[in-house]
Amino acid sequence: MFSGIIEKLGRVISAAHTADGKRLIIEMPDLTPKPKIGDSIAINGCCLTVVEINNVQYTFDVTPETLRVTTLDYLYEGDQVNLERALCLGDSLDGHLVQGHVDSVTEVLSLEEELGASLKLTVKVPEHLRHYLIHKGSITVDGVSLTIASLDDISFSIALIPHTAVVTNLGNKKAGDLVNIEVDLFAKYAERMLSVRLDHITEKV
């Protein structure tokens, strides 16, 4: 489980396809305490497991299914990625509960300057996830916990304060870029509970 608060930016050293999917080597020099083999790290919002360590370079194996449902298949040498270690019991939860299980890949529609130094990021809404999104609700974009500032049938917008634009890779996005999104966990639980309840009522009728 994660919080959506990015700790550091990493850099892709290698992104090689293998018979079993893809092997990523990511430089993560500033994460403290230093991750260990077997630790879970969210890479652009996707939970991966450290399988090898060479000084500050960490290796992750990515399965074909993960490549299919995330943007990790489009990572190349030199790309910056958002990093967050898994939460430990007692850690501060400054964002919202994030599983690291990407729900969909979608497209950036625009990144615009707002009044002051803030930015407005507008992202296309995947049709099958639209019912999970609400105004002022939580959304995770490339692993970053954000609040939906505006919402319509085809897109949602979020405000990026200068700090978020600098310490994550979202400040460098442009129209046409693909991002991982994960909707609010509690919205999915609520939908499931309501659907079970409605099915039960229907059976009685």
C-alpha atoms as a PDB file:
ATOM      1  CA  MET A   1       0.000   0.000   0.000  1.00  0.00           C
ATOM      2  CA  PHE A   2       1.186   3.513  -0.826  1.00  0.00           C
ATOM      3  CA  SER A   3       0.106   7.100  -0.139  1.00  0.00           C
ATOM      4  CA  GLY A   4       0.661   8.767  -3.501  1.00  0.00           C
ATOM      5  CA  ILE A   5       3.274  11.115  -2.036  1.00  0.00           C
ATOM      6  CA  ILE A   6       6.312  10.864  -4.307  1.00  0.00           C
ATOM      7  CA  GLU A   7       9.597  10.580  -2.420  1.00  0.00           C
ATOM      8  CA  LYS A   8      12.077  11.035  -5.249  1.00  0.00           C
ATOM      9  CA  LEU A   9      12.501  10.997  -9.001  1.00  0.00           C
ATOM     10  CA  GLY A  10      14.432   8.085 -10.466  1.00  0.00           C
ATOM     11  CA  ARG A  11      16.090   7.679 -13.849  1.00  0.00           C
ATOM     12  CA  VAL A  12      15.744   4.698 -16.170  1.00  0.00           C
ATOM     13  CA  ILE A  13      19.202   3.237 -16.861  1.00  0.00           C
ATOM     14  CA  SER A  14      18.000   0.293 -18.939  1.00  0.00           C
ATOM     15  CA  ALA A  15      14.658  -0.953 -20.265  1.00  0.00           C
ATOM     16  CA  ALA A  16      15.143  -4.277 -22.014  1.00  0.00           C
ATOM     17  CA  HIS A  17      12.468  -6.669 -23.223  1.00  0.00           C
ATOM     18  CA  THR A  18      12.982 -10.282 -22.184  1.00  0.00           C
ATOM     19  CA  ALA A  19      11.276 -13.599 -22.825  1.00  0.00           C
ATOM     20  CA  ASP A  20       9.338 -13.020 -19.584  1.00  0.00           C
ATOM     21  CA  GLY A  21       8.350  -9.395 -20.159  1.00  0.00           C
ATOM     22  CA  LYS A  22      10.693  -6.495 -19.471  1.00  0.00           C
ATOM     23  CA  ARG A  23      13.600  -5.807 -17.120  1.00  0.00           C
ATOM     24  CA  LEU A  24      13.954  -2.264 -15.811  1.00  0.00           C
ATOM     25  CA  ILE A  25      17.084  -0.903 -14.157  1.00  0.00           C
ATOM     26  CA  ILE A  26      16.378   2.365 -12.371  1.00  0.00           C
ATOM     27  CA  GLU A  27      18.830   4.689 -10.672  1.00  0.00           C
ATOM     28  CA  MET A  28      17.457   5.680  -7.259  1.00  0.00           C
ATOM     29  CA  PRO A  29      20.336   7.387  -5.405  1.00  0.00           C
ATOM     30  CA  ASP A  30      18.408   9.352  -2.803  1.00  0.00           C
ATOM     31  CA  LEU A  31      15.914   6.902  -1.271  1.00  0.00           C
ATOM     32  CA  THR A  32      16.559   6.480   2.458  1.00  0.00           C
ATOM     33  CA  PRO A  33      16.508   4.057   4.097  1.00  0.00           C
ATOM     34  CA  LYS A  34      17.972   2.154   1.179  1.00  0.00           C
ATOM     35  CA  PRO A  35      15.501  -0.375  -0.304  1.00  0.00           C
ATOM     36  CA  LYS A  36      16.311  -4.082  -0.040  1.00  0.00           C
ATOM     37  CA  ILE A  37      15.756  -7.007  -2.391  1.00  0.00           C
ATOM     38  CA  GLY A  38      12.088  -7.987  -2.105  1.00  0.00           C
ATOM     39  CA  ASP A  39      10.897  -4.480  -1.218  1.00  0.00           C
ATOM     40  CA  SER A  40       7.935  -2.986  -3.084  1.00  0.00           C
ATOM     41  CA  ILE A  41       8.449   0.305  -4.913  1.00  0.00           C
ATOM     42  CA  ALA A  42       5.789   2.184  -6.866  1.00  0.00           C
ATOM     43  CA  ILE A  43       7.224   3.191 -10.250  1.00  0.00           C
ATOM     44  CA  ASN A  44       4.917   5.765 -11.863  1.00  0.00           C
ATOM     45  CA  GLY A  45       2.157   4.328  -9.683  1.00  0.00           C
ATOM     46  CA  CYS A  46       2.800   0.660 -10.504  1.00  0.00           C
ATOM     47  CA  CYS A  47       3.904  -1.595  -7.644  1.00  0.00           C
ATOM     48  CA  LEU A  48       7.085  -3.508  -8.552  1.00  0.00           C
ATOM     49  CA  THR A  49       9.492  -5.684  -6.559  1.00  0.00           C
ATOM     50  CA  VAL A  50      13.230  -5.076  -6.251  1.00  0.00           C
ATOM     51  CA  VAL A  51      15.011  -8.191  -7.590  1.00  0.00           C
ATOM     52  CA  GLU A  52      18.628  -6.978  -7.837  1.00  0.00           C
ATOM     53  CA  ILE A  53      20.687  -4.114  -6.410  1.00  0.00           C
ATOM     54  CA  ASN A  54      23.949  -2.685  -7.749  1.00  0.00           C
ATOM     55  CA  ASN A  55      24.949   0.318  -5.662  1.00  0.00           C
ATOM     56  CA  VAL A  56      22.162   2.868  -6.446  1.00  0.00           C
ATOM     57  CA  GLN A  57      20.802   0.957  -9.437  1.00  0.00           C
ATOM     58  CA  TYR A  58      17.756  -1.230  -8.761  1.00  0.00           C
ATOM     59  CA  THR A  59      16.399  -3.942 -11.042  1.00  0.00           C
ATOM     60  CA  PHE A  60      12.713  -4.785 -11.494  1.00  0.00           C
ATOM     61  CA  ASP A  61      11.091  -7.505 -13.606  1.00  0.00           C
ATOM     62  CA  VAL A  62       7.822  -6.519 -15.292  1.00  0.00           C
ATOM     63  CA  THR A  63       5.356  -9.186 -16.445  1.00  0.00           C
ATOM     64  CA  PRO A  64       3.614  -9.101 -19.843  1.00  0.00           C
ATOM     65  CA  GLU A  65       0.268  -8.428 -18.120  1.00  0.00           C
ATOM     66  CA  THR A  66       1.691  -5.401 -16.297  1.00  0.00           C
ATOM     67  CA  LEU A  67       3.172  -4.123 -19.553  1.00  0.00           C
ATOM     68  CA  ARG A  68      -0.248  -4.502 -21.175  1.00  0.00           C
ATOM     69  CA  VAL A  69      -2.176  -2.463 -18.609  1.00  0.00           C
ATOM     70  CA  THR A  70       0.391   0.235 -17.685  1.00  0.00           C
ATOM     71  CA  THR A  71       2.741   2.692 -19.374  1.00  0.00           C
ATOM     72  CA  LEU A  72       5.840   0.759 -18.284  1.00  0.00           C
ATOM     73  CA  ASP A  73       6.183  -0.745 -21.757  1.00  0.00           C
ATOM     74  CA  TYR A  74       6.875   2.792 -23.010  1.00  0.00           C
ATOM     75  CA  LEU A  75       9.737   3.559 -20.618  1.00  0.00           C
ATOM     76  CA  TYR A  76      13.110   4.161 -22.228  1.00  0.00           C
ATOM     77  CA  GLU A  77      16.652   4.890 -21.093  1.00  0.00           C
ATOM     78  CA  GLY A  78      16.887   8.364 -19.572  1.00  0.00           C
ATOM     79  CA  ASP A  79      13.197   8.703 -18.662  1.00  0.00           C
ATOM     80  CA  GLN A  80      12.342  10.118 -15.243  1.00  0.00           C
ATOM     81  CA  VAL A  81       9.983   8.095 -13.056  1.00  0.00           C
ATOM     82  CA  ASN A  82       8.104   8.834  -9.842  1.00  0.00           C
ATOM     83  CA  LEU A  83       9.229   6.719  -6.870  1.00  0.00           C
ATOM     84  CA  GLU A  84       7.497   5.787  -3.624  1.00  0.00           C
ATOM     85  CA  ARG A  85       8.328   3.025  -1.164  1.00  0.00           C
ATOM     86  CA  ALA A  86       5.515   0.973   0.344  1.00  0.00           C
ATOM     87  CA  LEU A  87       4.010   2.324   3.560  1.00  0.00           C
ATOM     88  CA  CYS A  88       4.929   0.861   6.930  1.00  0.00           C
ATOM     89  CA  LEU A  89       2.543   0.719   9.872  1.00  0.00           C
ATOM     90  CA  GLY A  90       2.691   4.103  11.583  1.00  0.00           C
ATOM     91  CA  ASP A  91       3.826   6.072   8.514  1.00  0.00           C
ATOM     92  CA  SER A  92       2.148   9.394   7.812  1.00  0.00           C
ATOM     93  CA  LEU A  93      -0.679   9.169   5.252  1.00  0.00           C
ATOM     94  CA  ASP A  94      -0.476  12.591   3.618  1.00  0.00           C
ATOM     95  CA  GLY A  95      -2.142  11.600   0.336  1.00  0.00           C
ATOM     96  CA  HIS A  96      -4.714   8.805   0.132  1.00  0.00           C
ATOM     97  CA  LEU A  97      -4.581   5.008   0.131  1.00  0.00           C
ATOM     98  CA  VAL A  98      -3.063   3.807  -3.143  1.00  0.00           C
ATOM     99  CA  GLN A  99      -2.644   0.134  -4.023  1.00  0.00           C
ATOM    100  CA  GLY A 100      -0.155   0.486  -6.838  1.00  0.00           C
ATOM    101  CA  HIS A 101      -2.557  -1.457  -9.078  1.00  0.00           C
ATOM    102  CA  VAL A 102      -3.068   0.659 -12.191  1.00  0.00           C
ATOM    103  CA  ASP A 103      -6.698   0.776 -13.363  1.00  0.00           C
ATOM    104  CA  SER A 104      -6.091   2.240 -16.799  1.00  0.00           C
ATOM    105  CA  VAL A 105      -3.719   4.043 -19.114  1.00  0.00           C
ATOM    106  CA  THR A 106      -5.051   7.319 -20.445  1.00  0.00           C
ATOM    107  CA  GLU A 107      -3.947  10.395 -22.365  1.00  0.00           C
ATOM    108  CA  VAL A 108      -2.865  13.852 -21.264  1.00  0.00           C
ATOM    109  CA  LEU A 109      -4.975  16.438 -23.092  1.00  0.00           C
ATOM    110  CA  SER A 110      -3.152  19.572 -21.939  1.00  0.00           C
ATOM    111  CA  LEU A 111      -0.825  21.144 -19.376  1.00  0.00           C
ATOM    112  CA  GLU A 112      -1.517  24.851 -18.948  1.00  0.00           C
ATOM    113  CA  GLU A 113      -0.183  27.627 -16.754  1.00  0.00           C
ATOM    114  CA  GLU A 114      -2.624  28.967 -14.182  1.00  0.00           C
ATOM    115  CA  LEU A 115      -2.516  32.224 -12.231  1.00  0.00           C
ATOM    116  CA  GLY A 116       0.714  32.387 -10.288  1.00  0.00           C
ATOM    117  CA  ALA A 117       3.054  29.444 -10.790  1.00  0.00           C
ATOM    118  CA  SER A 118       0.488  26.650 -10.638  1.00  0.00           C
ATOM    119  CA  LEU A 119      -0.281  24.340 -13.559  1.00  0.00           C
ATOM    120  CA  LYS A 120      -3.542  22.798 -14.745  1.00  0.00           C
ATOM    121  CA  LEU A 121      -3.224  19.209 -15.982  1.00  0.00           C
ATOM    122  CA  THR A 122      -6.168  17.890 -17.991  1.00  0.00           C
ATOM    123  CA  VAL A 123      -6.469  14.153 -18.600  1.00  0.00           C
ATOM    124  CA  LYS A 124      -8.891  12.097 -20.671  1.00  0.00           C
ATOM    125  CA  VAL A 125     -11.413  10.067 -18.644  1.00  0.00           C
ATOM    126  CA  PRO A 126     -11.518   6.358 -19.541  1.00  0.00           C
ATOM    127  CA  GLU A 127     -15.206   5.615 -20.087  1.00  0.00           C
ATOM    128  CA  HIS A 128     -15.214   2.496 -17.887  1.00  0.00           C
ATOM    129  CA  LEU A 129     -13.866   4.487 -14.913  1.00  0.00           C
ATOM    130  CA  ARG A 130     -15.989   7.637 -15.248  1.00  0.00           C
ATOM    131  CA  HIS A 131     -18.472   6.612 -12.543  1.00  0.00           C
ATOM    132  CA  TYR A 132     -15.675   6.396  -9.933  1.00  0.00           C
ATOM    133  CA  LEU A 133     -14.680  10.049 -10.316  1.00  0.00           C
ATOM    134  CA  ILE A 134     -16.224  12.922  -8.378  1.00  0.00           C
ATOM    135  CA  HIS A 135     -15.456  16.615  -8.023  1.00  0.00           C
ATOM    136  CA  LYS A 136     -12.899  17.068  -5.204  1.00  0.00           C
ATOM    137  CA  GLY A 137     -12.367  13.299  -5.097  1.00  0.00           C
ATOM    138  CA  SER A 138      -8.974  11.588  -5.050  1.00  0.00           C
ATOM    139  CA  ILE A 139      -7.207  10.249  -8.137  1.00  0.00           C
ATOM    140  CA  THR A 140      -3.717   8.860  -8.666  1.00  0.00           C
ATOM    141  CA  VAL A 141      -1.863   9.943 -11.813  1.00  0.00           C
ATOM    142  CA  ASP A 142       1.510   8.269 -12.435  1.00  0.00           C
ATOM    143  CA  GLY A 143       1.608   7.460  -8.730  1.00  0.00           C
ATOM    144  CA  VAL A 144       0.845  10.997  -7.529  1.00  0.00           C
ATOM    145  CA  SER A 145      -2.091  11.518  -5.154  1.00  0.00           C
ATOM    146  CA  LEU A 146      -4.154  14.401  -6.527  1.00  0.00           C
ATOM    147  CA  THR A 147      -7.550  16.049  -6.110  1.00  0.00           C
ATOM    148  CA  ILE A 148      -9.951  16.380  -9.037  1.00  0.00           C
ATOM    149  CA  ALA A 149     -10.527  20.117  -9.511  1.00  0.00           C
ATOM    150  CA  SER A 150     -13.006  19.845 -12.380  1.00  0.00           C
ATOM    151  CA  LEU A 151     -14.725  17.032 -14.217  1.00  0.00           C
ATOM    152  CA  ASP A 152     -16.870  16.534 -17.306  1.00  0.00           C
ATOM    153  CA  ASP A 153     -17.908  13.620 -19.512  1.00  0.00           C
ATOM    154  CA  ILE A 154     -14.596  13.358 -21.348  1.00  0.00           C
ATOM    155  CA  SER A 155     -11.897  14.708 -19.031  1.00  0.00           C
ATOM    156  CA  PHE A 156     -10.833  15.714 -15.547  1.00  0.00           C
ATOM    157  CA  SER A 157      -8.444  18.452 -14.471  1.00  0.00           C
ATOM    158  CA  ILE A 158      -6.105  18.733 -11.523  1.00  0.00           C
ATOM    159  CA  ALA A 159      -4.155  21.689 -10.180  1.00  0.00           C
ATOM    160  CA  LEU A 160      -0.427  21.157  -9.728  1.00  0.00           C
ATOM    161  CA  ILE A 161       1.194  23.419  -7.171  1.00  0.00           C
ATOM    162  CA  PRO A 162       4.793  24.405  -8.027  1.00  0.00           C
ATOM    163  CA  HIS A 163       6.203  21.898  -5.515  1.00  0.00           C
ATOM    164  CA  THR A 164       4.355  18.966  -7.122  1.00  0.00           C
ATOM    165  CA  ALA A 165       5.409  20.059 -10.605  1.00  0.00           C
ATOM    166  CA  VAL A 166       9.068  20.059  -9.523  1.00  0.00           C
ATOM    167  CA  VAL A 167       9.311  16.906  -7.366  1.00  0.00           C
ATOM    168  CA  THR A 168       7.322  14.666  -9.758  1.00  0.00           C
ATOM    169  CA  ASN A 169       7.437  14.119 -13.511  1.00  0.00           C
ATOM    170  CA  LEU A 170       3.972  15.633 -14.012  1.00  0.00           C
ATOM    171  CA  GLY A 171       5.367  19.117 -14.603  1.00  0.00           C
ATOM    172  CA  ASN A 172       6.995  17.844 -17.800  1.00  0.00           C
ATOM    173  CA  LYS A 173       3.901  16.256 -19.333  1.00  0.00           C
ATOM    174  CA  LYS A 174       2.549  17.383 -22.691  1.00  0.00           C
ATOM    175  CA  ALA A 175      -0.543  16.696 -24.767  1.00  0.00           C
ATOM    176  CA  GLY A 176      -0.539  13.139 -26.084  1.00  0.00           C
ATOM    177  CA  ASP A 177       1.587  11.671 -23.287  1.00  0.00           C
ATOM    178  CA  LEU A 178       0.234   8.524 -21.647  1.00  0.00           C
ATOM    179  CA  VAL A 179      -0.177   8.227 -17.874  1.00  0.00           C
ATOM    180  CA  ASN A 180      -1.202   5.549 -15.396  1.00  0.00           C
ATOM    181  CA  ILE A 181      -4.287   6.241 -13.321  1.00  0.00           C
ATOM    182  CA  GLU A 182      -5.699   4.488 -10.278  1.00  0.00           C
ATOM    183  CA  VAL A 183      -9.134   5.471  -8.990  1.00  0.00           C
ATOM    184  CA  ASP A 184     -10.024   5.770  -5.325  1.00  0.00           C
ATOM    185  CA  LEU A 185     -10.027   2.409  -3.556  1.00  0.00           C
ATOM    186  CA  PHE A 186     -13.061   3.296  -1.438  1.00  0.00           C
ATOM    187  CA  ALA A 187     -15.107   4.135  -4.546  1.00  0.00           C
ATOM    188  CA  LYS A 188     -14.463   0.613  -5.843  1.00  0.00           C
ATOM    189  CA  TYR A 189     -15.435  -0.946  -2.511  1.00  0.00           C
ATOM    190  CA  ALA A 190     -18.624   1.147  -2.393  1.00  0.00           C
ATOM    191  CA  GLU A 191     -19.581   0.043  -5.899  1.00  0.00           C
ATOM    192  CA  ARG A 192     -19.022  -3.599  -5.009  1.00  0.00           C
ATOM    193  CA  MET A 193     -21.081  -3.427  -1.814  1.00  0.00           C
ATOM    194  CA  LEU A 194     -23.952  -1.655  -3.566  1.00  0.00           C
ATOM    195  CA  SER A 195     -23.969  -4.103  -6.481  1.00  0.00           C
ATOM    196  CA  VAL A 196     -24.116  -7.089  -4.109  1.00  0.00           C
ATOM    197  CA  ARG A 197     -26.924  -5.442  -2.146  1.00  0.00           C
ATOM    198  CA  LEU A 198     -28.894  -4.632  -5.302  1.00  0.00           C
ATOM    199  CA  ASP A 199     -28.452  -8.187  -6.591  1.00  0.00           C
ATOM    200  CA  HIS A 200     -29.786  -9.487  -3.280  1.00  0.00           C
ATOM    201  CA  ILE A 201     -32.826  -7.190  -3.455  1.00  0.00           C
ATOM    202  CA  THR A 202     -33.492  -8.197  -7.068  1.00  0.00           C
ATOM    203  CA  GLU A 203     -33.398 -11.883  -6.157  1.00  0.00           C
ATOM    204  CA  LYS A 204     -36.011 -11.308  -3.444  1.00  0.00           C
ATOM    205  CA  VAL A 205     -38.295  -9.460  -5.846  1.00  0.00           C
END
